[in-house]
Amino acid sequence: MKHAGPAALDDLEPLLREIRLMPGLTERSRGVFYLKSRAFLHFHEDPAGLFGDLRDAAGADFDRFDVTSPPGRAQLLEAVRRRLSA
């Protein structure tokens, strides 16, 4: 699964705008977010759709969210909020 390219990130721009408003995150390159000095969230694309990889609550690995459609994007946003407030 490859990292999301410019066209895929264009599709995700409304989601990216919401994430950019969340305190504590730094977007080091388009669609790649860090929390402090650690990778926190990035996006992939493949024939099955678009996916966001979010650092898991334990900080050891990433959880994958299907962000191809609005319900998946809402689920990812909620998970980001929860993890930032933990």
PDB file of N, CA and C in Angstrom:
ATOM      1  N   MET A   1       0.849  -1.159   0.000  1.00  0.00           N
ATOM      2  CA  MET A   1       0.000   0.000   0.000  1.00  0.00           C
ATOM      3  C   MET A   1       0.904   1.233   0.000  1.00  0.00           C
ATOM      4  N   LYS A   2       0.711   2.118  -0.959  1.00  0.00           N
ATOM      5  CA  LYS A   2       1.584   3.286  -1.057  1.00  0.00           C
ATOM      6  C   LYS A   2       1.017   4.480  -0.296  1.00  0.00           C
ATOM      7  N   HIS A   3       1.899   5.375   0.075  1.00  0.00           N
ATOM      8  CA  HIS A   3       1.448   6.603   0.726  1.00  0.00           C
ATOM      9  C   HIS A   3       0.578   7.388  -0.238  1.00  0.00           C
ATOM     10  N   ALA A   4      -0.380   8.097   0.300  1.00  0.00           N
ATOM     11  CA  ALA A   4      -1.324   8.853  -0.522  1.00  0.00           C
ATOM     12  C   ALA A   4      -0.584   9.918  -1.321  1.00  0.00           C
ATOM     13  N   GLY A   5      -0.902   9.968  -2.616  1.00  0.00           N
ATOM     14  CA  GLY A   5      -0.319  10.956  -3.505  1.00  0.00           C
ATOM     15  C   GLY A   5      -1.153  12.230  -3.525  1.00  0.00           C
ATOM     16  N   PRO A   6      -0.726  13.200  -4.328  1.00  0.00           N
ATOM     17  CA  PRO A   6      -1.417  14.488  -4.375  1.00  0.00           C
ATOM     18  C   PRO A   6      -2.905  14.402  -4.704  1.00  0.00           C
ATOM     19  N   ALA A   7      -3.287  13.568  -5.659  1.00  0.00           N
ATOM     20  CA  ALA A   7      -4.707  13.470  -6.025  1.00  0.00           C
ATOM     21  C   ALA A   7      -5.540  12.896  -4.877  1.00  0.00           C
ATOM     22  N   ALA A   8      -5.010  11.880  -4.211  1.00  0.00           N
ATOM     23  CA  ALA A   8      -5.721  11.290  -3.071  1.00  0.00           C
ATOM     24  C   ALA A   8      -5.827  12.302  -1.933  1.00  0.00           C
ATOM     25  N   LEU A   9      -4.764  13.039  -1.685  1.00  0.00           N
ATOM     26  CA  LEU A   9      -4.800  14.049  -0.633  1.00  0.00           C
ATOM     27  C   LEU A   9      -5.757  15.185  -0.987  1.00  0.00           C
ATOM     28  N   ASP A  10      -5.889  15.487  -2.270  1.00  0.00           N
ATOM     29  CA  ASP A  10      -6.889  16.474  -2.689  1.00  0.00           C
ATOM     30  C   ASP A  10      -8.284  16.006  -2.289  1.00  0.00           C
ATOM     31  N   ASP A  11      -8.563  14.714  -2.479  1.00  0.00           N
ATOM     32  CA  ASP A  11      -9.861  14.154  -2.078  1.00  0.00           C
ATOM     33  C   ASP A  11     -10.063  14.236  -0.567  1.00  0.00           C
ATOM     34  N   LEU A  12      -8.979  14.139   0.172  1.00  0.00           N
ATOM     35  CA  LEU A  12      -9.048  14.151   1.636  1.00  0.00           C
ATOM     36  C   LEU A  12      -8.921  15.552   2.232  1.00  0.00           C
ATOM     37  N   GLU A  13      -8.806  16.576   1.405  1.00  0.00           N
ATOM     38  CA  GLU A  13      -8.540  17.922   1.902  1.00  0.00           C
ATOM     39  C   GLU A  13      -9.527  18.397   2.971  1.00  0.00           C
ATOM     40  N   PRO A  14     -10.843  18.162   2.836  1.00  0.00           N
ATOM     41  CA  PRO A  14     -11.735  18.585   3.924  1.00  0.00           C
ATOM     42  C   PRO A  14     -11.384  17.913   5.264  1.00  0.00           C
ATOM     43  N   LEU A  15     -11.016  16.655   5.222  1.00  0.00           N
ATOM     44  CA  LEU A  15     -10.592  15.937   6.424  1.00  0.00           C
ATOM     45  C   LEU A  15      -9.281  16.517   6.956  1.00  0.00           C
ATOM     46  N   LEU A  16      -8.344  16.768   6.067  1.00  0.00           N
ATOM     47  CA  LEU A  16      -7.056  17.323   6.473  1.00  0.00           C
ATOM     48  C   LEU A  16      -7.230  18.688   7.136  1.00  0.00           C
ATOM     49  N   ARG A  17      -8.134  19.506   6.622  1.00  0.00           N
ATOM     50  CA  ARG A  17      -8.384  20.817   7.226  1.00  0.00           C
ATOM     51  C   ARG A  17      -8.849  20.680   8.670  1.00  0.00           C
ATOM     52  N   GLU A  18      -9.715  19.706   8.931  1.00  0.00           N
ATOM     53  CA  GLU A  18     -10.196  19.488  10.302  1.00  0.00           C
ATOM     54  C   GLU A  18      -9.064  19.021  11.218  1.00  0.00           C
ATOM     55  N   ILE A  19      -8.227  18.138  10.702  1.00  0.00           N
ATOM     56  CA  ILE A  19      -7.110  17.621  11.501  1.00  0.00           C
ATOM     57  C   ILE A  19      -6.114  18.741  11.806  1.00  0.00           C
ATOM     58  N   ARG A  20      -5.875  19.623  10.842  1.00  0.00           N
ATOM     59  CA  ARG A  20      -4.927  20.723  11.051  1.00  0.00           C
ATOM     60  C   ARG A  20      -5.344  21.643  12.200  1.00  0.00           C
ATOM     61  N   LEU A  21      -6.625  21.680  12.522  1.00  0.00           N
ATOM     62  CA  LEU A  21      -7.124  22.530  13.598  1.00  0.00           C
ATOM     63  C   LEU A  21      -6.916  21.933  14.987  1.00  0.00           C
ATOM     64  N   MET A  22      -6.540  20.673  15.041  1.00  0.00           N
ATOM     65  CA  MET A  22      -6.393  19.991  16.330  1.00  0.00           C
ATOM     66  C   MET A  22      -5.076  20.365  16.986  1.00  0.00           C
ATOM     67  N   PRO A  23      -5.154  20.787  18.267  1.00  0.00           N
ATOM     68  CA  PRO A  23      -3.938  21.232  18.957  1.00  0.00           C
ATOM     69  C   PRO A  23      -2.946  20.099  19.179  1.00  0.00           C
ATOM     70  N   GLY A  24      -1.684  20.452  19.063  1.00  0.00           N
ATOM     71  CA  GLY A  24      -0.619  19.499  19.351  1.00  0.00           C
ATOM     72  C   GLY A  24      -0.060  18.788  18.144  1.00  0.00           C
ATOM     73  N   LEU A  25      -0.754  18.854  17.016  1.00  0.00           N
ATOM     74  CA  LEU A  25      -0.284  18.151  15.824  1.00  0.00           C
ATOM     75  C   LEU A  25       0.498  19.093  14.916  1.00  0.00           C
ATOM     76  N   THR A  26       1.539  18.550  14.295  1.00  0.00           N
ATOM     77  CA  THR A  26       2.335  19.263  13.317  1.00  0.00           C
ATOM     78  C   THR A  26       2.278  18.487  12.012  1.00  0.00           C
ATOM     79  N   GLU A  27       1.957  19.163  10.926  1.00  0.00           N
ATOM     80  CA  GLU A  27       1.926  18.512   9.612  1.00  0.00           C
ATOM     81  C   GLU A  27       3.288  18.730   8.963  1.00  0.00           C
ATOM     82  N   ARG A  28       4.127  17.714   8.997  1.00  0.00           N
ATOM     83  CA  ARG A  28       5.503  17.854   8.492  1.00  0.00           C
ATOM     84  C   ARG A  28       5.563  17.852   6.976  1.00  0.00           C
ATOM     85  N   SER A  29       4.711  17.080   6.356  1.00  0.00           N
ATOM     86  CA  SER A  29       4.496  17.149   4.915  1.00  0.00           C
ATOM     87  C   SER A  29       3.006  16.905   4.730  1.00  0.00           C
ATOM     88  N   ARG A  30       2.489  17.244   3.576  1.00  0.00           N
ATOM     89  CA  ARG A  30       1.044  17.192   3.392  1.00  0.00           C
ATOM     90  C   ARG A  30       0.498  15.808   3.737  1.00  0.00           C
ATOM     91  N   GLY A  31      -0.425  15.776   4.711  1.00  0.00           N
ATOM     92  CA  GLY A  31      -1.082  14.545   5.106  1.00  0.00           C
ATOM     93  C   GLY A  31      -0.297  13.668   6.070  1.00  0.00           C
ATOM     94  N   VAL A  32       0.850  14.159   6.553  1.00  0.00           N
ATOM     95  CA  VAL A  32       1.677  13.400   7.500  1.00  0.00           C
ATOM     96  C   VAL A  32       1.786  14.236   8.780  1.00  0.00           C
ATOM     97  N   PHE A  33       1.149  13.746   9.845  1.00  0.00           N
ATOM     98  CA  PHE A  33       1.050  14.493  11.086  1.00  0.00           C
ATOM     99  C   PHE A  33       1.892  13.853  12.179  1.00  0.00           C
ATOM    100  N   TYR A  34       2.521  14.713  12.961  1.00  0.00           N
ATOM    101  CA  TYR A  34       3.342  14.280  14.091  1.00  0.00           C
ATOM    102  C   TYR A  34       2.750  14.847  15.372  1.00  0.00           C
ATOM    103  N   LEU A  35       2.916  14.095  16.432  1.00  0.00           N
ATOM    104  CA  LEU A  35       2.595  14.535  17.780  1.00  0.00           C
ATOM    105  C   LEU A  35       3.919  14.578  18.519  1.00  0.00           C
ATOM    106  N   LYS A  36       4.345  15.775  18.870  1.00  0.00           N
ATOM    107  CA  LYS A  36       5.694  16.005  19.394  1.00  0.00           C
ATOM    108  C   LYS A  36       6.670  15.554  18.316  1.00  0.00           C
ATOM    109  N   SER A  37       7.548  14.629  18.590  1.00  0.00           N
ATOM    110  CA  SER A  37       8.531  14.220  17.586  1.00  0.00           C
ATOM    111  C   SER A  37       8.210  12.856  16.980  1.00  0.00           C
ATOM    112  N   ARG A  38       6.998  12.379  17.200  1.00  0.00           N
ATOM    113  CA  ARG A  38       6.650  11.020  16.773  1.00  0.00           C
ATOM    114  C   ARG A  38       5.544  11.016  15.731  1.00  0.00           C
ATOM    115  N   ALA A  39       5.714  10.189  14.702  1.00  0.00           N
ATOM    116  CA  ALA A  39       4.676  10.049  13.675  1.00  0.00           C
ATOM    117  C   ALA A  39       3.368   9.650  14.347  1.00  0.00           C
ATOM    118  N   PHE A  40       2.282  10.320  13.965  1.00  0.00           N
ATOM    119  CA  PHE A  40       0.993  10.106  14.616  1.00  0.00           C
ATOM    120  C   PHE A  40      -0.087   9.665  13.625  1.00  0.00           C
ATOM    121  N   LEU A  41      -0.095  10.249  12.428  1.00  0.00           N
ATOM    122  CA  LEU A  41      -1.149   9.967  11.451  1.00  0.00           C
ATOM    123  C   LEU A  41      -0.615  10.211  10.054  1.00  0.00           C
ATOM    124  N   HIS A  42      -0.903   9.279   9.144  1.00  0.00           N
ATOM    125  CA  HIS A  42      -0.578   9.445   7.731  1.00  0.00           C
ATOM    126  C   HIS A  42      -1.589   8.657   6.916  1.00  0.00           C
ATOM    127  N   PHE A  43      -1.545   8.827   5.599  1.00  0.00           N
ATOM    128  CA  PHE A  43      -2.571   8.255   4.731  1.00  0.00           C
ATOM    129  C   PHE A  43      -1.955   7.415   3.618  1.00  0.00           C
ATOM    130  N   HIS A  44      -2.722   6.404   3.219  1.00  0.00           N
ATOM    131  CA  HIS A  44      -2.330   5.492   2.142  1.00  0.00           C
ATOM    132  C   HIS A  44      -3.456   5.396   1.129  1.00  0.00           C
ATOM    133  N   GLU A  45      -3.091   4.972  -0.066  1.00  0.00           N
ATOM    134  CA  GLU A  45      -4.091   4.683  -1.087  1.00  0.00           C
ATOM    135  C   GLU A  45      -3.755   3.355  -1.751  1.00  0.00           C
ATOM    136  N   ASP A  46      -4.781   2.639  -2.135  1.00  0.00           N
ATOM    137  CA  ASP A  46      -4.618   1.436  -2.943  1.00  0.00           C
ATOM    138  C   ASP A  46      -5.930   1.211  -3.678  1.00  0.00           C
ATOM    139  N   PRO A  47      -6.032   0.183  -4.510  1.00  0.00           N
ATOM    140  CA  PRO A  47      -7.271  -0.024  -5.263  1.00  0.00           C
ATOM    141  C   PRO A  47      -8.520  -0.184  -4.391  1.00  0.00           C
ATOM    142  N   ALA A  48      -8.345  -0.574  -3.133  1.00  0.00           N
ATOM    143  CA  ALA A  48      -9.489  -0.749  -2.234  1.00  0.00           C
ATOM    144  C   ALA A  48      -9.997   0.580  -1.684  1.00  0.00           C
ATOM    145  N   GLY A  49      -9.198   1.655  -1.773  1.00  0.00           N
ATOM    146  CA  GLY A  49      -9.641   2.952  -1.284  1.00  0.00           C
ATOM    147  C   GLY A  49      -8.535   3.725  -0.581  1.00  0.00           C
ATOM    148  N   LEU A  50      -8.968   4.656   0.255  1.00  0.00           N
ATOM    149  CA  LEU A  50      -8.056   5.514   1.016  1.00  0.00           C
ATOM    150  C   LEU A  50      -8.096   5.109   2.479  1.00  0.00           C
ATOM    151  N   PHE A  51      -6.928   5.138   3.116  1.00  0.00           N
ATOM    152  CA  PHE A  51      -6.819   4.674   4.492  1.00  0.00           C
ATOM    153  C   PHE A  51      -5.958   5.629   5.300  1.00  0.00           C
ATOM    154  N   GLY A  52      -6.342   5.832   6.553  1.00  0.00           N
ATOM    155  CA  GLY A  52      -5.550   6.610   7.486  1.00  0.00           C
ATOM    156  C   GLY A  52      -4.961   5.684   8.527  1.00  0.00           C
ATOM    157  N   ASP A  53      -3.676   5.819   8.770  1.00  0.00           N
ATOM    158  CA  ASP A  53      -2.997   5.048   9.810  1.00  0.00           C
ATOM    159  C   ASP A  53      -2.747   5.970  10.990  1.00  0.00           C
ATOM    160  N   LEU A  54      -3.353   5.645  12.126  1.00  0.00           N
ATOM    161  CA  LEU A  54      -3.287   6.451  13.338  1.00  0.00           C
ATOM    162  C   LEU A  54      -2.543   5.666  14.408  1.00  0.00           C
ATOM    163  N   ARG A  55      -1.573   6.329  15.041  1.00  0.00           N
ATOM    164  CA  ARG A  55      -0.805   5.684  16.107  1.00  0.00           C
ATOM    165  C   ARG A  55      -1.766   5.131  17.151  1.00  0.00           C
ATOM    166  N   ASP A  56      -1.579   3.871  17.535  1.00  0.00           N
ATOM    167  CA  ASP A  56      -2.496   3.258  18.498  1.00  0.00           C
ATOM    168  C   ASP A  56      -2.311   3.845  19.892  1.00  0.00           C
ATOM    169  N   ALA A  57      -3.260   3.561  20.760  1.00  0.00           N
ATOM    170  CA  ALA A  57      -3.276   4.154  22.103  1.00  0.00           C
ATOM    171  C   ALA A  57      -2.029   3.787  22.906  1.00  0.00           C
ATOM    172  N   ALA A  58      -1.481   2.606  22.670  1.00  0.00           N
ATOM    173  CA  ALA A  58      -0.276   2.183  23.385  1.00  0.00           C
ATOM    174  C   ALA A  58       0.981   2.827  22.807  1.00  0.00           C
ATOM    175  N   GLY A  59       0.868   3.378  21.597  1.00  0.00           N
ATOM    176  CA  GLY A  59       2.002   4.035  20.963  1.00  0.00           C
ATOM    177  C   GLY A  59       2.965   3.105  20.269  1.00  0.00           C
ATOM    178  N   ALA A  60       2.607   1.839  20.162  1.00  0.00           N
ATOM    179  CA  ALA A  60       3.526   0.863  19.593  1.00  0.00           C
ATOM    180  C   ALA A  60       3.321   0.624  18.096  1.00  0.00           C
ATOM    181  N   ASP A  61       2.136   0.823  17.614  1.00  0.00           N
ATOM    182  CA  ASP A  61       1.809   0.480  16.237  1.00  0.00           C
ATOM    183  C   ASP A  61       0.763   1.466  15.722  1.00  0.00           C
ATOM    184  N   PHE A  62       0.201   1.175  14.555  1.00  0.00           N
ATOM    185  CA  PHE A  62      -0.823   2.023  13.959  1.00  0.00           C
ATOM    186  C   PHE A  62      -2.115   1.237  13.766  1.00  0.00           C
ATOM    187  N   ASP A  63      -3.228   1.933  13.943  1.00  0.00           N
ATOM    188  CA  ASP A  63      -4.540   1.385  13.605  1.00  0.00           C
ATOM    189  C   ASP A  63      -4.942   1.968  12.263  1.00  0.00           C
ATOM    190  N   ARG A  64      -5.525   1.134  11.416  1.00  0.00           N
ATOM    191  CA  ARG A  64      -5.908   1.566  10.069  1.00  0.00           C
ATOM    192  C   ARG A  64      -7.401   1.868  10.015  1.00  0.00           C
ATOM    193  N   PHE A  65      -7.742   3.007   9.413  1.00  0.00           N
ATOM    194  CA  PHE A  65      -9.129   3.435   9.234  1.00  0.00           C
ATOM    195  C   PHE A  65      -9.396   3.627   7.751  1.00  0.00           C
ATOM    196  N   ASP A  66     -10.499   3.077   7.266  1.00  0.00           N
ATOM    197  CA  ASP A  66     -10.914   3.292   5.885  1.00  0.00           C
ATOM    198  C   ASP A  66     -11.560   4.670   5.816  1.00  0.00           C
ATOM    199  N   VAL A  67     -10.921   5.601   5.126  1.00  0.00           N
ATOM    200  CA  VAL A  67     -11.431   6.971   5.024  1.00  0.00           C
ATOM    201  C   VAL A  67     -11.929   7.281   3.615  1.00  0.00           C
ATOM    202  N   THR A  68     -12.310   6.242   2.901  1.00  0.00           N
ATOM    203  CA  THR A  68     -12.821   6.413   1.552  1.00  0.00           C
ATOM    204  C   THR A  68     -14.143   7.171   1.553  1.00  0.00           C
ATOM    205  N   SER A  69     -14.955   6.960   2.593  1.00  0.00           N
ATOM    206  CA  SER A  69     -16.286   7.579   2.646  1.00  0.00           C
ATOM    207  C   SER A  69     -16.455   8.375   3.943  1.00  0.00           C
ATOM    208  N   PRO A  70     -17.462   9.235   3.993  1.00  0.00           N
ATOM    209  CA  PRO A  70     -17.678  10.084   5.176  1.00  0.00           C
ATOM    210  C   PRO A  70     -17.778   9.343   6.513  1.00  0.00           C
ATOM    211  N   PRO A  71     -18.458   8.193   6.610  1.00  0.00           N
ATOM    212  CA  PRO A  71     -18.512   7.535   7.921  1.00  0.00           C
ATOM    213  C   PRO A  71     -17.123   7.141   8.451  1.00  0.00           C
ATOM    214  N   GLY A  72     -16.254   6.676   7.581  1.00  0.00           N
ATOM    215  CA  GLY A  72     -14.897   6.316   7.995  1.00  0.00           C
ATOM    216  C   GLY A  72     -14.082   7.526   8.397  1.00  0.00           C
ATOM    217  N   ARG A  73     -14.298   8.638   7.712  1.00  0.00           N
ATOM    218  CA  ARG A  73     -13.593   9.880   8.051  1.00  0.00           C
ATOM    219  C   ARG A  73     -14.029  10.376   9.418  1.00  0.00           C
ATOM    220  N   ALA A  74     -15.325  10.283   9.700  1.00  0.00           N
ATOM    221  CA  ALA A  74     -15.836  10.691  11.020  1.00  0.00           C
ATOM    222  C   ALA A  74     -15.265   9.796  12.111  1.00  0.00           C
ATOM    223  N   GLN A  75     -15.168   8.509  11.833  1.00  0.00           N
ATOM    224  CA  GLN A  75     -14.607   7.570  12.806  1.00  0.00           C
ATOM    225  C   GLN A  75     -13.142   7.908  13.088  1.00  0.00           C
ATOM    226  N   LEU A  76     -12.387   8.223  12.043  1.00  0.00           N
ATOM    227  CA  LEU A  76     -10.985   8.600  12.235  1.00  0.00           C
ATOM    228  C   LEU A  76     -10.879   9.875  13.059  1.00  0.00           C
ATOM    229  N   LEU A  77     -11.669  10.887  12.741  1.00  0.00           N
ATOM    230  CA  LEU A  77     -11.622  12.141  13.491  1.00  0.00           C
ATOM    231  C   LEU A  77     -11.906  11.910  14.974  1.00  0.00           C
ATOM    232  N   GLU A  78     -12.889  11.088  15.268  1.00  0.00           N
ATOM    233  CA  GLU A  78     -13.220  10.796  16.661  1.00  0.00           C
ATOM    234  C   GLU A  78     -12.057  10.085  17.357  1.00  0.00           C
ATOM    235  N   ALA A  79     -11.419   9.156  16.665  1.00  0.00           N
ATOM    236  CA  ALA A  79     -10.273   8.446  17.248  1.00  0.00           C
ATOM    237  C   ALA A  79      -9.099   9.400  17.479  1.00  0.00           C
ATOM    238  N   VAL A  80      -8.864  10.321  16.559  1.00  0.00           N
ATOM    239  CA  VAL A  80      -7.800  11.305  16.746  1.00  0.00           C
ATOM    240  C   VAL A  80      -8.087  12.137  17.983  1.00  0.00           C
ATOM    241  N   ARG A  81      -9.313  12.609  18.113  1.00  0.00           N
ATOM    242  CA  ARG A  81      -9.688  13.423  19.283  1.00  0.00           C
ATOM    243  C   ARG A  81      -9.471  12.658  20.591  1.00  0.00           C
ATOM    244  N   ARG A  82      -9.899  11.395  20.600  1.00  0.00           N
ATOM    245  CA  ARG A  82      -9.737  10.578  21.813  1.00  0.00           C
ATOM    246  C   ARG A  82      -8.263  10.412  22.169  1.00  0.00           C
ATOM    247  N   ARG A  83      -7.450  10.138  21.170  1.00  0.00           N
ATOM    248  CA  ARG A  83      -6.030   9.886  21.453  1.00  0.00           C
ATOM    249  C   ARG A  83      -5.289  11.157  21.853  1.00  0.00           C
ATOM    250  N   LEU A  84      -5.713  12.283  21.320  1.00  0.00           N
ATOM    251  CA  LEU A  84      -5.087  13.540  21.719  1.00  0.00           C
ATOM    252  C   LEU A  84      -5.468  13.942  23.131  1.00  0.00           C
ATOM    253  N   SER A  85      -6.652  13.537  23.563  1.00  0.00           N
ATOM    254  CA  SER A  85      -7.092  13.909  24.909  1.00  0.00           C
ATOM    255  C   SER A  85      -6.647  12.915  25.972  1.00  0.00           C
ATOM    256  N   ALA A  86      -6.101  11.794  25.552  1.00  0.00           N
ATOM    257  CA  ALA A  86      -5.651  10.764  26.521  1.00  0.00           C
ATOM    258  C   ALA A  86      -4.375  11.155  27.222  1.00  0.00           C
TER     259      ALA A  86
END
